[in-house]
């Protein structure tokens, strides 16, 4: 007999892969139940609604990622000296790699889900994240402003948006990028190598002069 925990995990695993592949809006509960080999009643019992299922899928990643990131950012903000933006973005490396150790392709799937939350306009996920991890989000802003105090709230918003877009695109297309690197440059690169390649680019974009961006 399949336990309730096993059923719940199967639903989460099926939903996660389908959400990452097709998006939240284009993935029906019927598709999820078919892949998980469960009935709709099981989804309703464990999660209540599709919206709560989406939140539960994201939570599996955030519950590991956010505390690790908060630890890094808190230590960085506590330093007397001003951190560089590269220091701030390097704080994300170990938490992202922890997702890779937690599950196969965990880092890539997490970034795909983040991207889907924007393209599918899942506003409830923003509410969920700010409600449960407001301190971490505040520490991200605090660390970035400590590294670049010239940024206005408006400019910080846009740069974070562009930063997230770049990171999501890079990690979501990681398989293709790795194949190209091997075929064209005979370079073997893994997820960690890809993250470490994009980090300096993200830091440089966040450090661009506000005078340049306002021209």
N, C-alpha and C. Protein backbone atom coordinates (compact mmCIF):
# COMPACT_ATOMS: atom_id res chain seq x y z
N UNK A 1 0.85 -1.20 0.00
CA UNK A 1 0.00 0.00 0.00
C UNK A 1 0.88 1.25 0.00
N UNK A 2 0.58 2.21 -0.84
CA UNK A 2 1.36 3.44 -0.94
C UNK A 2 1.00 4.37 0.21
N UNK A 3 2.00 4.86 0.95
CA UNK A 3 1.75 5.75 2.07
C UNK A 3 1.35 7.12 1.57
N UNK A 4 0.75 7.92 2.48
CA UNK A 4 0.35 9.27 2.13
C UNK A 4 1.57 10.11 1.76
N UNK A 5 2.67 9.90 2.49
CA UNK A 5 3.89 10.65 2.21
C UNK A 5 4.40 10.33 0.81
N UNK A 6 4.39 9.07 0.45
CA UNK A 6 4.85 8.67 -0.88
C UNK A 6 3.96 9.28 -1.97
N UNK A 7 2.66 9.29 -1.73
CA UNK A 7 1.73 9.88 -2.69
C UNK A 7 2.01 11.37 -2.85
N UNK A 8 2.21 12.05 -1.74
CA UNK A 8 2.48 13.49 -1.77
C UNK A 8 3.77 13.79 -2.52
N UNK A 9 4.79 12.98 -2.28
CA UNK A 9 6.07 13.18 -2.95
C UNK A 9 5.95 12.94 -4.45
N UNK A 10 5.20 11.91 -4.83
CA UNK A 10 5.00 11.64 -6.26
C UNK A 10 4.29 12.80 -6.94
N UNK A 11 3.31 13.36 -6.27
CA UNK A 11 2.60 14.51 -6.84
C UNK A 11 3.54 15.69 -7.01
N UNK A 12 4.35 15.97 -5.98
CA UNK A 12 5.30 17.08 -6.03
C UNK A 12 6.33 16.87 -7.14
N UNK A 13 6.84 15.66 -7.25
CA UNK A 13 7.85 15.37 -8.28
C UNK A 13 7.27 15.55 -9.68
N UNK A 14 6.06 15.04 -9.87
CA UNK A 14 5.42 15.14 -11.18
C UNK A 14 5.11 16.60 -11.50
N UNK A 15 4.56 17.32 -10.54
CA UNK A 15 4.21 18.72 -10.76
C UNK A 15 5.45 19.55 -11.05
N UNK A 16 6.52 19.30 -10.31
CA UNK A 16 7.75 20.07 -10.48
C UNK A 16 8.30 19.94 -11.91
N UNK A 17 8.40 18.72 -12.38
CA UNK A 17 8.96 18.51 -13.72
C UNK A 17 8.05 19.08 -14.80
N UNK A 18 6.75 18.94 -14.62
CA UNK A 18 5.80 19.45 -15.62
C UNK A 18 5.74 20.98 -15.60
N UNK A 19 5.76 21.58 -14.42
CA UNK A 19 5.77 23.03 -14.32
C UNK A 19 7.01 23.62 -14.97
N UNK A 20 8.16 22.99 -14.71
CA UNK A 20 9.41 23.48 -15.29
C UNK A 20 9.42 23.35 -16.81
N UNK A 21 8.81 22.27 -17.30
CA UNK A 21 8.82 21.99 -18.74
C UNK A 21 7.76 22.79 -19.50
N UNK A 22 6.55 22.87 -18.95
CA UNK A 22 5.43 23.47 -19.68
C UNK A 22 4.94 24.80 -19.10
N UNK A 23 5.35 25.10 -17.88
CA UNK A 23 4.84 26.30 -17.23
C UNK A 23 3.67 25.97 -16.33
N UNK A 24 3.32 26.90 -15.46
CA UNK A 24 2.23 26.68 -14.51
C UNK A 24 0.86 26.73 -15.20
N UNK A 25 0.69 27.68 -16.08
CA UNK A 25 -0.61 27.87 -16.71
C UNK A 25 -0.98 26.73 -17.65
N UNK A 26 0.02 26.18 -18.35
CA UNK A 26 -0.24 25.15 -19.35
C UNK A 26 -0.16 23.73 -18.79
N UNK A 27 0.03 23.60 -17.51
CA UNK A 27 0.05 22.28 -16.87
C UNK A 27 -1.23 22.08 -16.09
N UNK A 28 -2.04 21.15 -16.54
CA UNK A 28 -3.31 20.89 -15.87
C UNK A 28 -3.12 19.90 -14.72
N UNK A 29 -4.06 19.90 -13.80
CA UNK A 29 -4.02 18.92 -12.71
C UNK A 29 -4.18 17.51 -13.25
N UNK A 30 -4.93 17.36 -14.32
CA UNK A 30 -5.10 16.03 -14.93
C UNK A 30 -3.76 15.50 -15.44
N UNK A 31 -2.97 16.38 -16.04
CA UNK A 31 -1.65 15.98 -16.52
C UNK A 31 -0.75 15.56 -15.36
N UNK A 32 -0.84 16.29 -14.26
CA UNK A 32 -0.04 15.96 -13.08
C UNK A 32 -0.46 14.63 -12.47
N UNK A 33 -1.76 14.43 -12.32
CA UNK A 33 -2.23 13.19 -11.71
C UNK A 33 -1.92 11.98 -12.58
N UNK A 34 -1.95 12.17 -13.89
CA UNK A 34 -1.61 11.07 -14.79
C UNK A 34 -0.14 10.67 -14.63
N UNK A 35 0.75 11.66 -14.60
CA UNK A 35 2.17 11.35 -14.45
C UNK A 35 2.48 10.78 -13.07
N UNK A 36 1.80 11.26 -12.06
CA UNK A 36 2.05 10.79 -10.70
C UNK A 36 1.32 9.49 -10.37
N UNK A 37 0.44 9.07 -11.27
CA UNK A 37 -0.37 7.86 -11.07
C UNK A 37 -1.22 7.96 -9.80
N UNK A 38 -1.88 9.09 -9.64
CA UNK A 38 -2.79 9.30 -8.52
C UNK A 38 -4.08 9.88 -9.05
N UNK A 39 -5.09 9.96 -8.19
CA UNK A 39 -6.35 10.57 -8.62
C UNK A 39 -6.41 12.02 -8.13
N UNK A 40 -7.38 12.75 -8.67
CA UNK A 40 -7.51 14.17 -8.35
C UNK A 40 -7.79 14.39 -6.87
N UNK A 41 -8.48 13.45 -6.27
CA UNK A 41 -8.80 13.57 -4.84
C UNK A 41 -7.52 13.63 -4.00
N UNK A 42 -6.48 12.93 -4.45
CA UNK A 42 -5.21 12.94 -3.71
C UNK A 42 -4.57 14.32 -3.72
N UNK A 43 -4.66 14.99 -4.88
CA UNK A 43 -4.12 16.34 -4.98
C UNK A 43 -4.90 17.28 -4.07
N UNK A 44 -6.21 17.18 -4.11
CA UNK A 44 -7.04 18.03 -3.26
C UNK A 44 -6.80 17.77 -1.78
N UNK A 45 -6.58 16.52 -1.44
CA UNK A 45 -6.36 16.15 -0.04
C UNK A 45 -5.05 16.73 0.49
N UNK A 46 -3.98 16.60 -0.30
CA UNK A 46 -2.65 17.02 0.17
C UNK A 46 -2.40 18.51 -0.01
N UNK A 47 -3.03 19.13 -1.01
CA UNK A 47 -2.68 20.52 -1.32
C UNK A 47 -3.87 21.47 -1.36
N UNK A 48 -5.05 20.98 -1.63
CA UNK A 48 -6.23 21.82 -1.62
C UNK A 48 -6.56 22.47 -2.94
N UNK A 49 -5.52 22.97 -3.64
CA UNK A 49 -5.76 23.65 -4.91
C UNK A 49 -4.47 23.64 -5.73
N UNK A 50 -4.60 23.98 -6.98
CA UNK A 50 -3.43 24.06 -7.85
C UNK A 50 -2.49 25.16 -7.38
N UNK A 51 -3.03 26.28 -6.92
CA UNK A 51 -2.21 27.38 -6.44
C UNK A 51 -1.35 26.94 -5.26
N UNK A 52 -1.93 26.20 -4.34
CA UNK A 52 -1.18 25.72 -3.18
C UNK A 52 -0.16 24.65 -3.58
N UNK A 53 -0.47 23.89 -4.61
CA UNK A 53 0.48 22.91 -5.12
C UNK A 53 1.69 23.62 -5.72
N UNK A 54 1.45 24.68 -6.47
CA UNK A 54 2.53 25.47 -7.05
C UNK A 54 3.43 26.01 -5.95
N UNK A 55 2.83 26.54 -4.90
CA UNK A 55 3.60 27.08 -3.79
C UNK A 55 4.43 25.98 -3.10
N UNK A 56 3.85 24.80 -2.98
CA UNK A 56 4.55 23.69 -2.34
C UNK A 56 5.75 23.23 -3.17
N UNK A 57 5.61 23.27 -4.49
CA UNK A 57 6.71 22.90 -5.38
C UNK A 57 7.87 23.88 -5.22
N UNK A 58 7.55 25.18 -5.23
CA UNK A 58 8.58 26.20 -5.05
C UNK A 58 9.19 26.12 -3.66
N UNK A 59 8.36 25.82 -2.66
CA UNK A 59 8.83 25.78 -1.27
C UNK A 59 9.91 24.73 -1.07
N UNK A 60 9.85 23.63 -1.79
CA UNK A 60 10.87 22.58 -1.63
C UNK A 60 12.26 23.11 -1.92
N UNK A 61 12.35 24.07 -2.85
CA UNK A 61 13.64 24.67 -3.18
C UNK A 61 13.97 25.83 -2.25
N UNK A 62 12.98 26.67 -1.99
CA UNK A 62 13.21 27.85 -1.15
C UNK A 62 13.60 27.47 0.28
N UNK A 63 13.05 26.39 0.79
CA UNK A 63 13.33 25.99 2.17
C UNK A 63 14.80 25.64 2.37
N UNK A 64 15.47 25.23 1.34
CA UNK A 64 16.91 24.97 1.41
C UNK A 64 17.70 26.19 0.99
N UNK A 65 17.31 26.80 -0.11
CA UNK A 65 18.07 27.90 -0.70
C UNK A 65 18.09 29.16 0.17
N UNK A 66 16.94 29.59 0.63
CA UNK A 66 16.83 30.88 1.31
C UNK A 66 17.61 30.96 2.62
N UNK A 67 17.52 29.97 3.52
CA UNK A 67 18.31 30.06 4.76
C UNK A 67 19.82 30.09 4.50
N UNK A 68 20.27 29.31 3.53
CA UNK A 68 21.70 29.31 3.20
C UNK A 68 22.14 30.66 2.65
N UNK A 69 21.30 31.24 1.78
CA UNK A 69 21.62 32.54 1.22
C UNK A 69 21.60 33.61 2.31
N UNK A 70 20.63 33.54 3.21
CA UNK A 70 20.51 34.53 4.27
C UNK A 70 21.74 34.51 5.18
N UNK A 71 22.25 33.32 5.43
CA UNK A 71 23.45 33.18 6.25
C UNK A 71 24.64 33.89 5.60
N UNK A 72 24.78 33.70 4.30
CA UNK A 72 25.88 34.33 3.55
C UNK A 72 25.73 35.85 3.54
N UNK A 73 24.52 36.33 3.27
CA UNK A 73 24.28 37.77 3.17
C UNK A 73 24.41 38.46 4.52
N UNK A 74 23.94 37.81 5.57
CA UNK A 74 24.04 38.39 6.91
C UNK A 74 25.49 38.58 7.30
N UNK A 75 26.32 37.58 7.01
CA UNK A 75 27.75 37.68 7.31
C UNK A 75 28.40 38.79 6.49
N UNK A 76 27.98 38.93 5.24
CA UNK A 76 28.54 39.95 4.35
C UNK A 76 28.16 41.35 4.84
N UNK A 77 26.91 41.52 5.22
CA UNK A 77 26.45 42.83 5.68
C UNK A 77 27.05 43.22 7.02
N UNK A 78 27.45 42.22 7.80
CA UNK A 78 28.02 42.49 9.12
C UNK A 78 29.47 42.95 9.05
N UNK A 79 30.11 42.75 7.91
CA UNK A 79 31.50 43.17 7.76
C UNK A 79 31.60 44.69 7.80
N UNK A 80 32.68 45.17 8.40
CA UNK A 80 32.90 46.61 8.50
C UNK A 80 33.21 47.22 7.13
N UNK A 81 33.99 46.49 6.35
CA UNK A 81 34.38 47.02 5.05
C UNK A 81 33.26 46.85 4.02
N UNK A 82 33.29 47.71 3.02
CA UNK A 82 32.30 47.66 1.95
C UNK A 82 32.56 46.45 1.06
N UNK A 83 31.54 45.60 0.83
CA UNK A 83 31.73 44.45 -0.05
C UNK A 83 31.68 44.90 -1.51
N UNK A 84 32.24 44.11 -2.38
CA UNK A 84 32.09 44.37 -3.81
C UNK A 84 30.81 43.69 -4.28
N UNK A 85 30.31 44.12 -5.42
CA UNK A 85 29.13 43.46 -5.98
C UNK A 85 29.44 42.02 -6.35
N UNK A 86 30.68 41.74 -6.70
CA UNK A 86 31.08 40.36 -6.97
C UNK A 86 30.95 39.53 -5.70
N UNK A 87 31.31 40.10 -4.55
CA UNK A 87 31.15 39.41 -3.28
C UNK A 87 29.68 39.07 -3.03
N UNK A 88 28.81 40.03 -3.31
CA UNK A 88 27.37 39.82 -3.09
C UNK A 88 26.85 38.68 -3.95
N UNK A 89 27.19 38.71 -5.23
CA UNK A 89 26.68 37.67 -6.13
C UNK A 89 27.33 36.31 -5.88
N UNK A 90 28.56 36.32 -5.40
CA UNK A 90 29.20 35.05 -5.04
C UNK A 90 28.50 34.38 -3.86
N UNK A 91 27.75 35.18 -3.09
CA UNK A 91 27.00 34.61 -1.96
C UNK A 91 25.93 33.63 -2.44
N UNK A 92 25.54 33.75 -3.69
CA UNK A 92 24.49 32.88 -4.23
C UNK A 92 25.01 31.52 -4.69
N UNK A 93 26.33 31.40 -4.86
CA UNK A 93 26.88 30.19 -5.47
C UNK A 93 26.61 28.94 -4.65
N UNK A 94 27.04 28.93 -3.40
CA UNK A 94 26.87 27.73 -2.57
C UNK A 94 25.40 27.36 -2.36
N UNK A 95 24.50 28.33 -2.08
CA UNK A 95 23.08 27.97 -1.96
C UNK A 95 22.50 27.36 -3.24
N UNK A 96 22.92 27.87 -4.39
CA UNK A 96 22.45 27.30 -5.66
C UNK A 96 22.97 25.88 -5.85
N UNK A 97 24.23 25.66 -5.51
CA UNK A 97 24.83 24.34 -5.67
C UNK A 97 24.24 23.33 -4.68
N UNK A 98 23.77 23.82 -3.53
CA UNK A 98 23.11 22.94 -2.56
C UNK A 98 21.86 22.31 -3.16
N UNK A 99 21.17 23.07 -4.02
CA UNK A 99 19.98 22.54 -4.70
C UNK A 99 20.35 21.40 -5.64
N UNK A 100 21.54 21.51 -6.23
CA UNK A 100 22.01 20.46 -7.14
C UNK A 100 22.29 19.17 -6.37
N UNK A 101 22.74 19.31 -5.13
CA UNK A 101 23.02 18.13 -4.30
C UNK A 101 21.73 17.54 -3.75
N UNK A 102 20.73 18.38 -3.57
CA UNK A 102 19.46 17.91 -3.02
C UNK A 102 18.72 17.02 -4.00
N UNK A 103 18.73 17.39 -5.28
CA UNK A 103 18.04 16.60 -6.29
C UNK A 103 18.73 16.79 -7.64
N UNK A 104 18.56 15.83 -8.52
CA UNK A 104 19.17 15.89 -9.84
C UNK A 104 18.64 17.10 -10.60
N UNK A 105 19.57 17.91 -11.13
CA UNK A 105 19.23 19.13 -11.88
C UNK A 105 18.43 20.12 -11.03
N UNK A 106 18.63 20.07 -9.70
CA UNK A 106 17.87 20.92 -8.81
C UNK A 106 18.06 22.40 -9.07
N UNK A 107 19.29 22.81 -9.36
CA UNK A 107 19.57 24.22 -9.62
C UNK A 107 18.86 24.70 -10.86
N UNK A 108 18.96 23.94 -11.92
CA UNK A 108 18.35 24.31 -13.20
C UNK A 108 16.83 24.36 -13.06
N UNK A 109 16.26 23.35 -12.41
CA UNK A 109 14.80 23.31 -12.25
C UNK A 109 14.31 24.50 -11.43
N UNK A 110 15.05 24.84 -10.39
CA UNK A 110 14.68 25.99 -9.55
C UNK A 110 14.66 27.27 -10.38
N UNK A 111 15.68 27.47 -11.20
CA UNK A 111 15.73 28.68 -12.02
C UNK A 111 14.63 28.68 -13.08
N UNK A 112 14.33 27.51 -13.63
CA UNK A 112 13.23 27.42 -14.58
C UNK A 112 11.89 27.78 -13.93
N UNK A 113 11.70 27.31 -12.71
CA UNK A 113 10.46 27.61 -11.99
C UNK A 113 10.37 29.10 -11.67
N UNK A 114 11.49 29.71 -11.31
CA UNK A 114 11.51 31.16 -11.07
C UNK A 114 11.10 31.91 -12.34
N UNK A 115 11.67 31.50 -13.46
CA UNK A 115 11.33 32.14 -14.73
C UNK A 115 9.86 31.96 -15.06
N UNK A 116 9.33 30.76 -14.83
CA UNK A 116 7.92 30.50 -15.11
C UNK A 116 7.02 31.35 -14.23
N UNK A 117 7.45 31.63 -13.00
CA UNK A 117 6.61 32.42 -12.09
C UNK A 117 6.40 33.83 -12.61
N UNK A 118 7.35 34.33 -13.42
CA UNK A 118 7.22 35.65 -14.02
C UNK A 118 6.46 35.59 -15.34
N UNK A 119 6.85 34.68 -16.22
CA UNK A 119 6.22 34.63 -17.53
C UNK A 119 4.76 34.19 -17.44
N UNK A 120 4.43 33.39 -16.43
CA UNK A 120 3.05 32.94 -16.25
C UNK A 120 2.27 33.85 -15.31
N UNK A 121 2.91 34.94 -14.87
CA UNK A 121 2.26 35.93 -14.00
C UNK A 121 1.62 35.29 -12.78
N UNK A 122 2.44 34.56 -12.03
CA UNK A 122 1.96 33.92 -10.80
C UNK A 122 2.19 34.86 -9.62
N UNK A 123 1.32 35.85 -9.50
CA UNK A 123 1.48 36.86 -8.46
C UNK A 123 1.44 36.29 -7.06
N UNK A 124 0.73 35.18 -6.86
CA UNK A 124 0.65 34.58 -5.53
C UNK A 124 2.01 34.06 -5.07
N UNK A 125 2.91 33.74 -6.02
CA UNK A 125 4.24 33.29 -5.63
C UNK A 125 5.06 34.43 -5.07
N UNK A 126 4.86 35.63 -5.61
CA UNK A 126 5.54 36.80 -5.05
C UNK A 126 5.05 37.04 -3.62
N UNK A 127 3.75 36.92 -3.43
CA UNK A 127 3.17 37.05 -2.08
C UNK A 127 3.75 35.99 -1.15
N UNK A 128 3.81 34.75 -1.62
CA UNK A 128 4.32 33.65 -0.80
C UNK A 128 5.77 33.90 -0.40
N UNK A 129 6.59 34.33 -1.37
CA UNK A 129 8.01 34.53 -1.10
C UNK A 129 8.24 35.70 -0.15
N UNK A 130 7.55 36.80 -0.38
CA UNK A 130 7.74 37.97 0.50
C UNK A 130 7.21 37.70 1.90
N UNK A 131 6.14 36.90 2.01
CA UNK A 131 5.57 36.57 3.31
C UNK A 131 6.49 35.67 4.13
N UNK A 132 7.06 34.67 3.47
CA UNK A 132 7.88 33.68 4.18
C UNK A 132 9.36 34.04 4.24
N UNK A 133 9.82 34.84 3.29
CA UNK A 133 11.26 35.10 3.22
C UNK A 133 11.56 36.59 3.06
N UNK A 134 10.73 37.41 3.68
CA UNK A 134 10.93 38.85 3.59
C UNK A 134 12.28 39.30 4.11
N UNK A 135 12.76 38.66 5.18
CA UNK A 135 14.06 39.01 5.75
C UNK A 135 15.18 38.77 4.76
N UNK A 136 15.11 37.66 4.06
CA UNK A 136 16.16 37.33 3.08
C UNK A 136 16.15 38.33 1.93
N UNK A 137 14.96 38.64 1.44
CA UNK A 137 14.84 39.61 0.35
C UNK A 137 15.37 40.97 0.78
N UNK A 138 15.09 41.34 2.02
CA UNK A 138 15.59 42.61 2.55
C UNK A 138 17.11 42.59 2.63
N UNK A 139 17.68 41.46 2.98
CA UNK A 139 19.14 41.35 3.08
C UNK A 139 19.81 41.39 1.71
N UNK A 140 19.11 40.89 0.69
CA UNK A 140 19.64 41.00 -0.68
C UNK A 140 19.76 42.48 -1.04
N UNK A 141 18.70 43.21 -0.81
CA UNK A 141 18.70 44.66 -1.09
C UNK A 141 19.76 45.37 -0.26
N UNK A 142 19.84 45.03 1.01
CA UNK A 142 20.81 45.66 1.91
C UNK A 142 22.24 45.43 1.43
N UNK A 143 22.55 44.19 1.03
CA UNK A 143 23.90 43.86 0.58
C UNK A 143 24.23 44.59 -0.73
N UNK A 144 23.28 44.63 -1.64
CA UNK A 144 23.50 45.30 -2.93
C UNK A 144 23.72 46.80 -2.74
N UNK A 145 22.94 47.41 -1.85
CA UNK A 145 23.08 48.85 -1.62
C UNK A 145 24.35 49.17 -0.84
N UNK A 146 24.78 48.24 -0.01
CA UNK A 146 26.05 48.46 0.69
C UNK A 146 27.21 48.42 -0.30
N UNK A 147 27.08 47.55 -1.30
CA UNK A 147 28.13 47.43 -2.32
C UNK A 147 28.06 48.58 -3.33
N UNK A 148 26.84 49.06 -3.62
CA UNK A 148 26.66 50.17 -4.55
C UNK A 148 25.59 51.12 -4.00
N UNK A 149 25.97 52.01 -3.08
CA UNK A 149 25.00 52.90 -2.41
C UNK A 149 24.41 53.97 -3.32
N UNK A 150 24.90 54.09 -4.54
CA UNK A 150 24.37 55.12 -5.44
C UNK A 150 23.07 54.70 -6.11
N UNK A 151 22.69 53.44 -5.98
CA UNK A 151 21.49 52.94 -6.65
C UNK A 151 20.22 53.45 -5.98
N UNK A 152 19.31 53.98 -6.79
CA UNK A 152 17.99 54.36 -6.29
C UNK A 152 17.11 53.12 -6.24
N UNK A 153 15.99 53.23 -5.54
CA UNK A 153 15.06 52.09 -5.46
C UNK A 153 14.58 51.68 -6.84
N UNK A 154 14.31 52.68 -7.69
CA UNK A 154 13.84 52.41 -9.05
C UNK A 154 14.91 51.69 -9.86
N UNK A 155 16.14 52.20 -9.78
CA UNK A 155 17.22 51.59 -10.56
C UNK A 155 17.53 50.19 -10.06
N UNK A 156 17.45 50.00 -8.74
CA UNK A 156 17.69 48.67 -8.17
C UNK A 156 16.65 47.67 -8.67
N UNK A 157 15.40 48.11 -8.74
CA UNK A 157 14.33 47.23 -9.25
C UNK A 157 14.64 46.74 -10.66
N UNK A 158 14.99 47.68 -11.55
CA UNK A 158 15.24 47.30 -12.94
C UNK A 158 16.46 46.41 -13.07
N UNK A 159 17.50 46.72 -12.33
CA UNK A 159 18.72 45.90 -12.45
C UNK A 159 18.51 44.50 -11.89
N UNK A 160 17.75 44.39 -10.83
CA UNK A 160 17.43 43.06 -10.31
C UNK A 160 16.59 42.28 -11.30
N UNK A 161 15.67 42.96 -11.97
CA UNK A 161 14.83 42.31 -12.99
C UNK A 161 15.70 41.78 -14.13
N UNK A 162 16.62 42.60 -14.63
CA UNK A 162 17.49 42.19 -15.73
C UNK A 162 18.47 41.09 -15.27
N UNK A 163 18.90 41.19 -14.02
CA UNK A 163 19.81 40.19 -13.47
C UNK A 163 19.13 38.83 -13.40
N UNK A 164 17.90 38.82 -12.88
CA UNK A 164 17.15 37.57 -12.78
C UNK A 164 16.90 36.99 -14.17
N UNK A 165 16.55 37.85 -15.12
CA UNK A 165 16.30 37.37 -16.48
C UNK A 165 17.52 36.71 -17.09
N UNK A 166 18.68 37.32 -16.88
CA UNK A 166 19.92 36.75 -17.41
C UNK A 166 20.23 35.42 -16.75
N UNK A 167 20.08 35.37 -15.42
CA UNK A 167 20.39 34.15 -14.69
C UNK A 167 19.44 33.01 -15.07
N UNK A 168 18.15 33.33 -15.19
CA UNK A 168 17.16 32.31 -15.55
C UNK A 168 17.43 31.77 -16.96
N UNK A 169 17.68 32.67 -17.91
CA UNK A 169 17.95 32.23 -19.28
C UNK A 169 19.19 31.36 -19.34
N UNK A 170 20.24 31.78 -18.64
CA UNK A 170 21.50 31.03 -18.66
C UNK A 170 21.33 29.63 -18.10
N UNK A 171 20.71 29.54 -16.93
CA UNK A 171 20.59 28.23 -16.29
C UNK A 171 19.54 27.36 -16.98
N UNK A 172 18.49 27.98 -17.52
CA UNK A 172 17.45 27.19 -18.21
C UNK A 172 17.99 26.58 -19.50
N UNK A 173 18.95 27.25 -20.11
CA UNK A 173 19.54 26.72 -21.35
C UNK A 173 20.90 26.09 -21.09
N UNK A 174 21.12 25.64 -19.87
CA UNK A 174 22.43 25.11 -19.47
C UNK A 174 22.87 23.92 -20.33
N UNK A 175 21.92 23.03 -20.63
CA UNK A 175 22.28 21.86 -21.43
C UNK A 175 22.82 22.24 -22.79
N UNK A 176 22.13 23.17 -23.46
CA UNK A 176 22.57 23.62 -24.78
C UNK A 176 23.91 24.35 -24.70
N UNK A 177 24.08 25.18 -23.66
CA UNK A 177 25.34 25.92 -23.51
C UNK A 177 26.51 24.98 -23.27
N UNK A 178 26.30 23.95 -22.48
CA UNK A 178 27.35 22.97 -22.22
C UNK A 178 27.74 22.22 -23.49
N UNK A 179 26.72 21.88 -24.28
CA UNK A 179 27.00 21.18 -25.55
C UNK A 179 27.78 22.07 -26.52
N UNK A 180 27.40 23.35 -26.60
CA UNK A 180 28.11 24.28 -27.48
C UNK A 180 29.54 24.48 -27.03
N UNK A 181 29.73 24.63 -25.71
CA UNK A 181 31.07 24.82 -25.16
C UNK A 181 31.97 23.63 -25.50
N UNK A 182 31.40 22.44 -25.46
CA UNK A 182 32.17 21.24 -25.77
C UNK A 182 32.45 21.13 -27.26
N UNK A 183 31.42 21.37 -28.08
CA UNK A 183 31.56 21.20 -29.53
C UNK A 183 32.44 22.28 -30.16
N UNK A 184 32.26 23.53 -29.73
CA UNK A 184 32.96 24.64 -30.38
C UNK A 184 34.31 24.98 -29.74
N UNK A 185 34.45 24.73 -28.43
CA UNK A 185 35.67 25.15 -27.74
C UNK A 185 36.37 24.01 -27.00
N UNK A 186 35.83 22.79 -27.14
CA UNK A 186 36.37 21.62 -26.45
C UNK A 186 36.50 21.88 -24.95
N UNK A 187 35.48 22.55 -24.42
CA UNK A 187 35.49 22.93 -23.02
C UNK A 187 34.41 22.15 -22.26
N UNK A 188 34.84 21.41 -21.25
CA UNK A 188 33.89 20.70 -20.40
C UNK A 188 33.48 21.61 -19.26
N UNK A 189 32.20 21.86 -19.14
CA UNK A 189 31.70 22.75 -18.09
C UNK A 189 30.47 22.15 -17.45
N UNK A 190 30.39 22.25 -16.14
CA UNK A 190 29.23 21.73 -15.41
C UNK A 190 28.41 22.90 -14.87
N UNK A 191 27.40 22.58 -14.07
CA UNK A 191 26.50 23.62 -13.55
C UNK A 191 27.27 24.64 -12.71
N UNK A 192 28.17 24.16 -11.87
CA UNK A 192 28.95 25.09 -11.06
C UNK A 192 29.79 26.02 -11.93
N UNK A 193 30.42 25.45 -12.96
CA UNK A 193 31.23 26.26 -13.86
C UNK A 193 30.40 27.32 -14.58
N UNK A 194 29.18 26.95 -14.94
CA UNK A 194 28.29 27.89 -15.61
C UNK A 194 27.89 29.03 -14.68
N UNK A 195 27.58 28.69 -13.43
CA UNK A 195 27.22 29.71 -12.45
C UNK A 195 28.39 30.67 -12.25
N UNK A 196 29.58 30.13 -12.13
CA UNK A 196 30.76 30.98 -11.88
C UNK A 196 31.11 31.83 -13.10
N UNK A 197 30.69 31.42 -14.28
CA UNK A 197 30.91 32.24 -15.47
C UNK A 197 29.94 33.42 -15.54
N UNK A 198 28.71 33.19 -15.14
CA UNK A 198 27.70 34.25 -15.26
C UNK A 198 27.77 35.26 -14.11
N UNK A 199 28.30 34.85 -12.96
CA UNK A 199 28.33 35.73 -11.78
C UNK A 199 29.07 37.05 -12.05
N UNK A 200 30.28 37.06 -12.62
CA UNK A 200 30.95 38.35 -12.88
C UNK A 200 30.16 39.24 -13.84
N UNK A 201 29.47 38.65 -14.79
CA UNK A 201 28.65 39.42 -15.73
C UNK A 201 27.49 40.11 -14.99
N UNK A 202 26.85 39.37 -14.09
CA UNK A 202 25.76 39.94 -13.32
C UNK A 202 26.25 41.07 -12.42
N UNK A 203 27.39 40.87 -11.79
CA UNK A 203 27.95 41.89 -10.90
C UNK A 203 28.30 43.15 -11.68
N UNK A 204 28.84 42.99 -12.88
CA UNK A 204 29.21 44.14 -13.71
C UNK A 204 27.97 44.92 -14.12
N UNK A 205 26.90 44.22 -14.47
CA UNK A 205 25.66 44.89 -14.85
C UNK A 205 25.06 45.69 -13.71
N UNK A 206 25.15 45.15 -12.51
CA UNK A 206 24.62 45.85 -11.35
C UNK A 206 25.48 47.06 -10.98
N UNK A 207 26.72 47.06 -11.44
CA UNK A 207 27.67 48.11 -11.07
C UNK A 207 27.75 49.23 -12.11
N UNK A 208 26.96 49.13 -13.20
CA UNK A 208 26.99 50.15 -14.24
C UNK A 208 26.63 51.50 -13.68
N UNK A 209 27.28 52.54 -14.15
CA UNK A 209 27.03 53.89 -13.67
C UNK A 209 25.59 54.30 -13.90
N UNK A 210 24.97 54.93 -12.90
CA UNK A 210 23.60 55.40 -13.08
C UNK A 210 23.53 56.53 -14.08
N UNK A 211 24.63 57.25 -14.25
CA UNK A 211 24.66 58.34 -15.26
C UNK A 211 24.51 57.76 -16.65
N UNK A 212 25.16 56.60 -16.87
CA UNK A 212 25.06 55.94 -18.18
C UNK A 212 23.65 55.46 -18.45
N UNK A 213 23.01 54.87 -17.43
CA UNK A 213 21.67 54.29 -17.62
C UNK A 213 20.62 55.37 -17.76
N UNK A 214 20.88 56.59 -17.27
CA UNK A 214 19.88 57.66 -17.35
C UNK A 214 20.04 58.53 -18.60
N UNK A 215 21.01 58.25 -19.43
CA UNK A 215 21.24 59.05 -20.65
C UNK A 215 20.14 58.76 -21.68
